[in-house]
Protein backbone atom coordinates (compact mmCIF):
# COMPACT_ATOMS: atom_id res chain seq x y z
CA MET A 1 27.47 -77.10 -80.71
CA SER A 2 27.69 -80.41 -82.57
CA LEU A 3 27.69 -83.79 -80.89
CA ASN A 4 31.39 -84.32 -81.78
CA GLN A 5 32.35 -81.01 -80.23
CA ARG A 6 30.51 -81.89 -77.05
CA ARG A 7 32.29 -85.26 -76.93
CA ARG A 8 35.68 -83.63 -77.44
CA GLY A 9 34.88 -81.15 -74.62
CA CYS A 10 33.95 -83.95 -72.24
CA ILE A 11 37.09 -85.92 -73.09
CA GLY A 12 39.21 -82.80 -72.61
CA GLY A 13 37.64 -82.19 -69.21
CA VAL A 14 38.29 -85.76 -68.13
CA VAL A 15 41.91 -85.51 -69.28
CA LEU A 16 42.35 -82.21 -67.42
CA VAL A 17 40.93 -83.67 -64.21
CA PHE A 18 43.18 -86.72 -64.62
CA LEU A 19 46.26 -84.56 -65.16
CA LEU A 20 45.42 -82.37 -62.18
CA GLY A 21 44.88 -85.46 -60.04
CA LEU A 22 48.14 -86.94 -61.26
CA LEU A 23 49.96 -83.70 -60.51
CA ALA A 24 48.44 -83.49 -57.03
CA GLY A 25 49.22 -87.12 -56.32
CA THR A 26 52.80 -86.74 -57.52
CA GLY A 27 53.20 -83.57 -55.47
CA GLY A 28 51.75 -85.27 -52.42
CA LEU A 29 54.06 -88.25 -52.89
CA LEU A 30 57.10 -85.99 -53.23
CA TYR A 31 55.94 -83.98 -50.21
CA TRP A 32 55.54 -87.19 -48.17
CA ARG A 33 58.91 -88.51 -49.30
CA TRP A 34 60.60 -85.19 -48.46
CA GLY A 35 59.23 -85.31 -44.92
CA SER A 36 60.34 -88.92 -44.51
CA GLN A 37 63.87 -88.59 -45.90
CA ALA A 38 66.83 -87.20 -44.02
CA ARG A 39 69.01 -84.70 -45.81
CA GLY A 40 72.07 -86.73 -44.96
CA GLY A 41 75.56 -85.45 -44.44
CA GLY A 42 77.03 -87.54 -41.67
CA SER A 43 76.39 -87.77 -37.98
CA ARG A 44 77.34 -84.20 -37.06
CA VAL A 45 75.15 -82.56 -34.43
CA GLU A 46 74.12 -78.92 -34.35
CA ARG A 47 72.50 -77.11 -31.44
CA VAL A 48 69.39 -75.06 -32.26
CA ALA A 49 67.44 -72.92 -29.80
CA VAL A 50 63.66 -72.65 -30.10
CA ALA A 51 62.58 -69.46 -28.36
CA PRO A 52 59.17 -69.20 -26.68
CA GLY A 53 56.63 -68.32 -29.37
CA ALA A 54 59.04 -69.07 -32.24
CA THR A 55 57.29 -69.75 -35.56
CA LEU A 56 57.82 -72.76 -37.78
CA ALA A 57 59.24 -70.43 -40.41
CA THR A 58 61.88 -69.08 -38.02
CA VAL A 59 62.89 -72.54 -36.84
CA GLY A 60 62.89 -73.87 -40.41
CA GLU A 61 65.21 -71.07 -41.53
CA ALA A 62 67.60 -71.84 -38.66
CA LEU A 63 67.61 -75.53 -39.62
CA GLN A 64 68.16 -74.74 -43.30
CA GLU A 65 71.03 -72.36 -42.52
CA ARG A 66 72.76 -75.11 -40.55
CA GLY A 67 72.23 -77.66 -43.31
CA ILE A 68 69.81 -79.79 -41.29
CA VAL A 69 66.86 -79.58 -43.73
CA ARG A 70 66.81 -78.74 -47.43
CA SER A 71 63.85 -76.35 -47.38
CA ALA A 72 62.56 -74.08 -44.63
CA LEU A 73 59.36 -73.61 -46.63
CA LEU A 74 58.60 -77.32 -46.84
CA PHE A 75 59.51 -77.73 -43.17
CA GLY A 76 56.92 -75.10 -42.32
CA LEU A 77 54.29 -76.71 -44.53
CA LEU A 78 55.00 -80.15 -43.07
CA GLY A 79 54.58 -78.83 -39.55
CA ARG A 80 51.35 -76.89 -40.06
CA GLY A 81 49.32 -77.02 -36.86
CA THR A 82 52.29 -78.25 -34.81
CA THR A 83 53.23 -76.36 -31.65
CA LEU A 84 56.94 -76.42 -30.91
CA LYS A 85 58.09 -76.44 -27.30
CA PRO A 86 60.82 -73.93 -26.44
CA GLY A 87 64.27 -75.16 -25.51
CA VAL A 88 67.66 -76.08 -26.92
CA TYR A 89 67.73 -79.08 -29.26
CA ASP A 90 70.54 -81.24 -30.59
CA VAL A 91 69.70 -81.81 -34.27
CA SER A 92 71.40 -83.68 -37.10
CA PRO A 93 71.00 -83.89 -40.90
CA SER A 94 70.67 -87.64 -40.41
CA GLU A 95 67.19 -87.04 -38.94
CA THR A 96 64.07 -86.79 -41.09
CA PRO A 97 62.05 -83.54 -40.98
CA ARG A 98 59.14 -85.49 -39.49
CA ARG A 99 61.31 -86.77 -36.64
CA LEU A 100 62.67 -83.27 -36.00
CA LEU A 101 59.14 -81.89 -35.80
CA ARG A 102 58.00 -84.69 -33.50
CA ARG A 103 60.94 -84.18 -31.15
CA MET A 104 60.37 -80.42 -31.00
CA ALA A 105 56.65 -80.92 -30.40
CA ASP A 106 57.42 -83.39 -27.58
CA GLY A 107 60.04 -81.13 -26.01
CA ASP A 108 62.88 -83.63 -26.45
CA VAL A 109 65.48 -81.00 -25.59
CA ALA A 110 69.24 -81.38 -25.18
CA THR A 111 70.32 -82.28 -21.65
CA VAL A 112 73.46 -82.47 -19.53
CA ARG A 113 73.94 -85.56 -17.36
CA VAL A 114 75.36 -84.96 -13.89
CA THR A 115 75.71 -87.11 -10.76
CA PHE A 116 75.70 -85.86 -7.17
CA PRO A 117 76.99 -88.48 -4.70
CA GLU A 118 75.49 -88.96 -1.26
CA GLY A 119 77.08 -86.60 1.22
CA PHE A 120 77.61 -83.65 -1.12
CA THR A 121 77.01 -80.24 0.46
CA VAL A 122 75.09 -77.53 -1.37
CA GLN A 123 78.44 -75.84 -2.02
CA LYS A 124 79.79 -78.94 -3.77
CA ILE A 125 76.54 -79.27 -5.72
CA ALA A 126 76.81 -75.66 -6.88
CA ARG A 127 80.43 -76.13 -7.93
CA ARG A 128 79.64 -79.25 -9.95
CA LEU A 129 76.69 -77.55 -11.65
CA LYS A 130 78.96 -74.67 -12.63
CA ASP A 131 81.75 -76.98 -13.83
CA ARG A 132 79.31 -78.90 -16.03
CA GLY A 133 77.96 -75.69 -17.55
CA ILE A 134 74.45 -76.29 -16.21
CA ILE A 135 74.32 -72.99 -14.33
CA GLY A 136 76.19 -69.82 -15.07
CA ASP A 137 76.18 -68.23 -11.64
CA GLU A 138 77.32 -70.41 -8.74
CA THR A 139 76.77 -67.58 -6.26
CA ALA A 140 73.16 -67.05 -7.37
CA PHE A 141 72.43 -70.76 -6.94
CA LEU A 142 73.95 -70.81 -3.45
CA ARG A 143 72.02 -67.69 -2.46
CA LEU A 144 68.80 -69.36 -3.60
CA VAL A 145 69.31 -72.71 -1.85
CA THR A 146 70.65 -71.27 1.41
CA THR A 147 68.33 -68.29 1.92
CA LYS A 148 65.29 -68.68 -0.35
CA GLY A 149 64.51 -72.40 -0.29
CA ASP A 150 61.04 -71.64 1.05
CA THR A 151 60.13 -70.08 -2.33
CA LEU A 152 60.22 -73.53 -3.97
CA ARG A 153 57.30 -75.96 -4.21
CA ALA A 154 56.92 -79.13 -2.12
CA SER A 155 54.29 -81.13 -0.25
CA PHE A 156 55.87 -79.75 2.95
CA VAL A 157 57.06 -76.25 3.74
CA PRO A 158 60.71 -76.20 2.61
CA PRO A 159 63.22 -74.50 4.90
CA ARG A 160 65.05 -71.41 3.71
CA ASN A 161 68.31 -73.38 3.78
CA LEU A 162 68.00 -76.49 1.61
CA GLU A 163 71.15 -78.20 2.89
CA GLY A 164 70.04 -81.83 3.18
CA TYR A 165 67.04 -81.46 0.85
CA LEU A 166 68.68 -81.53 -2.59
CA PHE A 167 68.45 -85.25 -3.23
CA PRO A 168 71.68 -86.99 -4.38
CA ASP A 169 71.13 -88.80 -7.67
CA THR A 170 71.96 -88.72 -11.38
CA TYR A 171 70.04 -86.02 -13.23
CA ARG A 172 69.60 -84.92 -16.83
CA PHE A 173 69.06 -81.17 -16.79
CA PRO A 174 67.86 -79.46 -19.99
CA ILE A 175 70.25 -76.92 -21.48
CA GLY A 176 69.14 -73.46 -20.39
CA PHE A 177 67.64 -74.54 -17.06
CA THR A 178 67.70 -71.70 -14.52
CA GLU A 179 69.19 -72.00 -11.06
CA LYS A 180 65.66 -72.14 -9.62
CA GLN A 181 64.57 -74.90 -12.02
CA VAL A 182 67.59 -77.02 -11.08
CA ALA A 183 66.95 -76.57 -7.35
CA GLN A 184 63.25 -77.32 -7.84
CA GLU A 185 64.05 -80.55 -9.69
CA MET A 186 66.32 -81.77 -6.88
CA LEU A 187 63.89 -80.75 -4.13
CA SER A 188 61.00 -82.42 -5.98
CA LEU A 189 62.92 -85.72 -6.06
CA PHE A 190 63.54 -85.44 -2.31
CA ASP A 191 59.84 -84.72 -1.84
CA ARG A 192 58.82 -87.78 -3.86
CA ILE A 193 61.31 -90.26 -2.35
CA VAL A 194 61.51 -89.03 1.25
CA ALA A 195 58.64 -86.76 2.27
CA LYS A 196 56.03 -88.79 0.37
CA GLY A 197 57.82 -92.12 -0.06
CA ARG A 198 58.65 -92.41 3.64
CA SER A 199 55.56 -90.60 4.94
CA GLU A 200 54.39 -93.49 7.15
CA ASP A 201 57.84 -93.91 8.71
CA LEU A 202 58.02 -90.16 9.29
CA SER A 203 54.59 -90.17 10.94
CA ARG A 204 55.66 -92.95 13.31
CA SER A 205 58.89 -91.18 14.15
CA ARG A 206 59.03 -88.91 17.17
CA ARG A 207 61.18 -86.53 15.20
CA SER A 208 60.28 -83.84 12.66
CA LEU A 209 61.32 -84.10 9.02
CA SER A 210 63.99 -81.47 9.68
CA GLU A 211 65.44 -83.48 12.58
CA ILE A 212 65.43 -86.72 10.56
CA VAL A 213 67.25 -85.01 7.69
CA THR A 214 69.80 -83.54 10.11
CA ILE A 215 70.43 -86.90 11.81
CA ALA A 216 70.67 -88.61 8.42
CA SER A 217 73.29 -86.08 7.32
CA LEU A 218 75.40 -86.89 10.40
CA ILE A 219 75.12 -90.60 9.62
CA GLU A 220 76.04 -89.97 5.98
CA ARG A 221 79.25 -88.19 6.94
CA GLU A 222 80.21 -90.66 9.67
CA ALA A 223 79.35 -94.10 8.26
CA GLU A 224 81.44 -95.88 5.65
CA THR A 225 79.59 -99.21 5.58
CA GLU A 226 75.89 -100.02 5.25
CA GLY A 227 75.91 -102.06 8.46
CA ASP A 228 77.26 -99.16 10.50
CA ARG A 229 74.54 -96.69 9.49
CA PRO A 230 71.77 -97.95 11.83
CA ARG A 231 74.34 -98.56 14.61
CA ILE A 232 75.64 -94.99 14.41
CA ALA A 233 72.03 -93.79 14.31
CA GLY A 234 71.43 -95.71 17.54
CA VAL A 235 74.40 -94.02 19.22
CA ILE A 236 73.14 -90.58 18.15
CA TYR A 237 69.68 -91.25 19.59
CA ASN A 238 71.16 -92.67 22.81
CA ARG A 239 73.29 -89.58 23.37
CA LEU A 240 70.41 -87.24 22.55
CA ALA A 241 68.22 -89.06 25.08
CA ARG A 242 70.88 -88.47 27.76
CA ASN A 243 71.38 -84.84 26.69
CA GLN A 244 74.98 -85.82 26.02
CA ARG A 245 76.89 -83.82 23.44
CA LEU A 246 77.19 -85.72 20.15
CA GLU A 247 80.87 -84.79 19.62
CA ILE A 248 80.80 -85.68 15.93
CA ASP A 249 83.90 -84.64 13.99
CA ALA A 250 81.94 -84.09 10.77
CA THR A 251 80.02 -81.21 12.37
CA VAL A 252 83.31 -79.48 13.17
CA GLN A 253 84.48 -79.97 9.58
CA TYR A 254 81.24 -78.38 8.39
CA ALA A 255 81.55 -75.51 10.85
CA ARG A 256 85.12 -74.84 9.68
CA GLY A 257 83.97 -74.78 6.06
CA GLN A 258 86.73 -77.07 4.86
CA HIS A 259 87.79 -80.68 5.27
CA LYS A 260 90.81 -81.52 7.38
CA ALA A 261 92.25 -85.03 7.42
CA ARG A 262 92.90 -84.94 11.15
CA LEU A 263 91.25 -82.51 13.54
CA LEU A 264 93.32 -80.97 16.33
CA TYR A 265 92.04 -80.05 19.77
CA ARG A 266 92.00 -76.37 18.85
CA ASP A 267 89.75 -77.19 15.88
CA LEU A 268 87.16 -78.54 18.29
CA GLU A 269 86.84 -75.07 19.83
CA VAL A 270 85.46 -73.44 16.68
CA ASP A 271 82.64 -71.09 17.64
CA SER A 272 79.64 -72.34 15.68
CA PRO A 273 76.17 -73.69 16.47
CA TYR A 274 77.14 -76.65 14.26
CA ASN A 275 79.99 -77.63 16.59
CA THR A 276 78.60 -80.61 18.52
CA TYR A 277 81.67 -80.67 20.76
CA ARG A 278 80.56 -77.36 22.28
CA ASN A 279 76.78 -77.54 21.90
CA ALA A 280 74.35 -80.15 23.15
CA GLY A 281 71.60 -81.53 20.95
CA LEU A 282 71.41 -81.53 17.18
CA PRO A 283 73.06 -78.87 15.03
CA PRO A 284 70.63 -76.27 13.60
CA GLY A 285 70.43 -78.10 10.28
CA ALA A 286 71.89 -80.77 8.04
CA ILE A 287 75.61 -80.80 7.26
CA CYS A 288 75.24 -82.45 3.83
CA CYS A 289 72.63 -83.95 1.52
CA PRO A 290 72.18 -87.56 2.70
CA GLY A 291 71.17 -90.53 0.60
CA ILE A 292 68.19 -92.75 1.22
CA ALA A 293 70.22 -95.38 3.15
CA SER A 294 71.17 -92.81 5.78
CA ILE A 295 67.62 -91.45 5.90
CA ASP A 296 66.31 -94.98 6.47
CA ALA A 297 68.90 -95.46 9.22
CA ALA A 298 67.72 -92.25 10.90
CA LEU A 299 64.15 -93.56 10.70
CA HIS A 300 65.08 -97.06 11.88
CA PRO A 301 68.06 -96.83 14.29
CA LYS A 302 69.46 -100.02 15.76
CA THR A 303 68.60 -100.38 19.42
CA SER A 304 71.77 -100.85 21.48
CA PRO A 305 73.44 -99.72 24.72
CA TYR A 306 76.28 -98.02 22.81
CA LEU A 307 77.24 -94.39 23.43
CA TYR A 308 80.58 -94.23 21.62
CA TYR A 309 82.15 -95.31 18.35
CA VAL A 310 85.47 -94.88 16.60
CA ALA A 311 86.71 -95.83 13.14
CA GLY A 312 88.32 -99.27 13.28
CA PRO A 313 91.77 -100.34 12.06
CA ASP A 314 90.49 -100.75 8.49
CA GLY A 315 89.40 -97.10 8.41
CA ARG A 316 85.89 -98.06 7.31
CA SER A 317 83.96 -100.06 9.89
CA HIS A 318 83.54 -98.75 13.43
CA LEU A 319 84.15 -100.10 16.92
CA PHE A 320 81.32 -99.41 19.38
CA ALA A 321 81.44 -99.03 23.16
CA ARG A 322 79.05 -98.63 26.08
CA THR A 323 81.42 -96.79 28.41
CA PHE A 324 84.18 -94.25 27.98
CA ALA A 325 86.69 -96.81 29.32
CA GLU A 326 85.68 -99.26 26.57
CA HIS A 327 85.84 -96.42 24.08
CA LYS A 328 89.46 -95.65 25.04
CA GLN A 329 90.34 -99.31 24.56
CA ASN A 330 88.76 -99.21 21.09
CA ILE A 331 90.76 -96.09 20.25
CA ALA A 332 93.96 -97.88 21.25
CA THR A 333 92.95 -100.86 19.11
CA ALA A 334 92.18 -98.62 16.14
CA ARG A 335 95.56 -96.87 16.38
CA ARG A 336 97.56 -100.07 16.86
CA PRO A 337 99.84 -100.70 13.87
CA ARG A 338 98.52 -103.44 11.62
CA SER A 339 100.88 -106.38 11.21
């Protein structure tokens, strides 16, 4: 081979390497740009389910079919080595493939926001969960939280009936959550805020966690103002110390299973262990799920000589009395027409 031929061969090799490098660089640039550019197409949102063990190819095809990404193949290549977390995701063509992959790897699933006010019963909680589409079977949820609560995890041994232990708050539940996952989330928040967060107060209390929750539920249903909570707690403790029946209307409402604006004397005769007009001591469990203010009131009752209270003329604050004679005067005051 002549010197010129060898030179031409070397030049050709250099050119080939350059072209291959240019091609690879261009391909890499296009690949990077594809992963960093959204397909576009407005702000519409599609819902895509990632099943446990789903492959990138399967998810990519679902995204391509819905017009979220241009290429399922490139989506799969871009996500090589990425593990997607199962769940239901809200996705949009306005998102880049990289962002979609990152969200699915992080488990940023679609959620439903729902608020449970203080004083909700487990029945009301179940109904709201069903109405918001978070659970499909209201009966299954109620069966779980009223008979199988002890199958859930907590730092304490949960009771079978979780009335009082599903903490009232605003939650964001992932789409597809089971009844047990929902109950566990609510019990875990109670565990963190009450059982652990108030552990020192509970240790100093002469009452068990179950008794504190029950007393707090009575306060929650009776008190309308923050100032009345510790006062009502004090009355409850005073009557318990005297073995005097609590005679709390809210327990009768709970025993009847429905709210009544005004209880009649015959309502007070309902045969139930929750009826504190007929039974001394605390009812066998909570009558609602109390908030932290009522739990704190149960832990820190206001010391007083009071044994009675009645809702005042404004319908919110209460009038307190030491004797039944004073109590009757307060009742007359409460019923007096306001000028």
